Amino acid sequence: MPEYHNPEAIAIIQANRDLLLHTMPSLGISEITIEYESYADSGDVTALKVFPETQLTQIDKCQLPYQFLILARDTQGQYYSAGEVQQVSMRVALCDFALSCLGIKYPDWDTEEGAEGKVILDADEQRCELIHTQFFMEYARHSPYHDTTKPAVNNTLI
């Protein structure tokens, strides 16, 4: 995430990424996919997929010292990032990790138009990838009210 200019937030996300990637092999998990979607100004994780699938229960059993990303303001009103470590299940950590990455990389991901995507953690390659699709609507105005000195375009009189 080099284009984002908040070094504290990036450091927290990278530390969480490393924690998750290093924990996966000890649970017999080689890959995790976290799917998400948004529509109508809200969004959330919609699916967690684990490979091999037989290890899915491990993400609920495993407890991690996960660092939650917190954005706050200092006394001068400037925003800064901090991390708060809590012991949580790997499932909770994975969901928060995906939404934190998404919020940092695409802050307006949960707009009215919607979005979908996934975060893939690959323990074998020690790699994390965000695949994101943002939807945009195109609008056309159709109005009976127009300047009568100009020809009507896309206007319908009723």
Foldseek 3Di string as FASTA:
>chain_A
DVVFPAVQLVVLLVVLLLQLLVVQVVLVWFKKKWKKKAAQQDIFTDDIQTVVNVSVVQQQVDWDQHWQWDWDADPVRDIHIDTDTDTHGNVVSVRRSLVSVCCRVPVCQRDNQMKIWIWMQGSVVSDIDTDIDGGDDDDDDEECDDDPVDDDDNYDDD
